[in-house]
Protein backbone atom coordinates (compact mmCIF):
# COMPACT_ATOMS: atom_id res chain seq x y z
CA MET A 1 0.03 0.04 0.00
CA ARG A 2 1.21 3.44 -0.97
CA ASP A 3 1.52 6.01 1.78
CA LYS A 4 0.07 9.49 1.38
CA THR A 5 3.38 11.24 0.76
CA GLU A 6 3.93 9.24 -2.31
CA GLU A 7 0.36 10.07 -3.61
CA LYS A 8 1.04 13.91 -2.79
CA ILE A 9 4.34 13.85 -4.63
CA GLU A 10 2.63 12.13 -7.62
CA GLU A 11 -0.17 14.60 -7.54
CA LEU A 12 2.11 17.70 -7.51
CA THR A 13 4.29 16.31 -10.14
CA THR A 14 1.23 15.78 -12.35
CA LYS A 15 0.15 19.34 -11.75
CA VAL A 16 3.73 20.82 -12.28
CA GLU A 17 3.96 18.99 -15.76
CA LYS A 18 0.47 20.36 -16.65
CA PHE A 19 1.52 23.86 -15.70
CA ILE A 20 4.85 23.63 -17.70
CA SER A 21 2.98 22.33 -20.91
CA ARG A 22 0.38 25.18 -20.71
CA ASN A 23 3.23 27.73 -20.21
CA LYS A 24 5.25 26.36 -23.08
CA GLU A 25 2.20 26.53 -25.51
CA THR A 26 1.47 30.16 -24.31
CA GLY A 27 5.34 30.96 -24.71
CA GLU A 28 5.31 29.61 -28.15
CA LYS A 29 2.21 31.67 -29.15
CA HIS A 30 3.87 34.84 -27.98
CA GLN A 31 7.08 34.04 -29.70
CA ARG A 32 5.20 33.38 -33.14
CA ARG A 33 3.39 36.90 -32.60
CA ARG A 34 6.72 38.56 -31.93
CA ASP A 35 8.35 36.95 -34.98
CA LYS A 36 5.45 38.00 -37.07
CA GLU A 37 5.71 41.57 -35.81
CA ASN A 38 9.35 41.78 -36.41
CA GLY A 39 8.95 40.42 -39.79
CA LYS A 40 6.41 43.13 -40.72
CA LYS A 41 8.73 45.93 -39.37
CA LYS A 42 11.69 44.74 -41.59
CA LYS A 43 9.50 44.42 -44.59
CA LYS A 44 8.20 48.03 -43.96
CA SER A 45 11.39 49.65 -45.05
CA LYS A 46 12.15 49.24 -48.67
CA LEU A 47 14.79 52.05 -48.68
CA GLN A 48 18.23 51.04 -50.06
CA ILE A 49 21.54 52.75 -49.66
CA GLY A 50 21.77 55.16 -52.72
CA ASP A 51 18.06 55.94 -52.96
CA SER A 52 17.14 59.57 -53.27
CA LEU A 53 14.63 61.01 -51.01
CA ARG A 54 12.99 64.22 -50.00
CA ILE A 55 13.09 65.50 -46.46
CA LYS A 56 9.48 66.27 -45.38
CA ASN A 57 10.09 68.86 -42.56
CA PRO A 58 13.57 70.20 -42.86
CA ARG A 59 14.80 72.64 -40.24
CA ASN A 60 15.99 76.15 -41.35
CA GLY A 61 19.06 75.91 -43.61
CA GLN A 62 18.80 72.24 -43.91
CA ALA A 63 18.67 70.53 -47.26
CA LYS A 64 15.34 69.39 -48.69
CA ALA A 65 16.70 66.31 -50.60
CA GLY A 66 19.55 63.87 -50.56
CA LYS A 67 20.65 60.28 -50.89
CA VAL A 68 20.66 57.49 -48.30
CA CYS A 69 24.10 56.51 -47.12
CA SER A 70 23.10 54.32 -44.30
CA ILE A 71 20.33 52.40 -42.56
CA GLY A 72 20.30 51.21 -39.07
CA GLU A 73 17.44 49.69 -36.89
CA GLU A 74 16.28 53.08 -35.53
CA TYR A 75 17.99 55.61 -37.80
CA ILE A 76 18.55 56.55 -41.40
CA THR A 77 21.34 58.83 -42.44
CA VAL A 78 20.96 61.02 -45.62
CA GLU A 79 23.82 62.62 -47.37
CA THR A 80 22.79 65.93 -48.65
CA LYS A 81 24.79 68.84 -50.23
CA ARG A 82 24.98 70.69 -46.97
CA GLY A 83 25.97 67.73 -45.02
CA LYS A 84 24.50 64.45 -43.35
CA VAL A 85 21.07 64.37 -41.82
CA VAL A 86 20.19 61.67 -39.23
CA SER A 87 16.36 60.72 -39.04
CA ILE A 88 14.74 58.41 -36.40
CA THR A 89 12.55 55.75 -38.04
CA THR A 90 9.22 54.68 -36.84
C-alpha cells in the first residue's frame, strides 16, 4: 500500500507537468506573434543605400533632398549637399 506522501508527490508532479505544458504553449504563441511583428517591421522599409529621397520637414538651413548613405535599426542617415542628416525611423 502506498503512503500519502507518495500520492501527494505524484499529484504535485502531475500538476507541475500540466503547468509547464500550458506555459510552453503560451510562450510559443507569444514568440510566433513577436516573430510576425518583427517580420512586418523589417518588410516595411524598402529604402536602400543610394536611394534619393525628399526630407519632409527640414529645419531652417537644412537641405530638402539627399541620398541614403546608411540604414540602421532606428536611424537613417541621408547625405545632402549641406552635410549629413540623421532621421529616426518609426
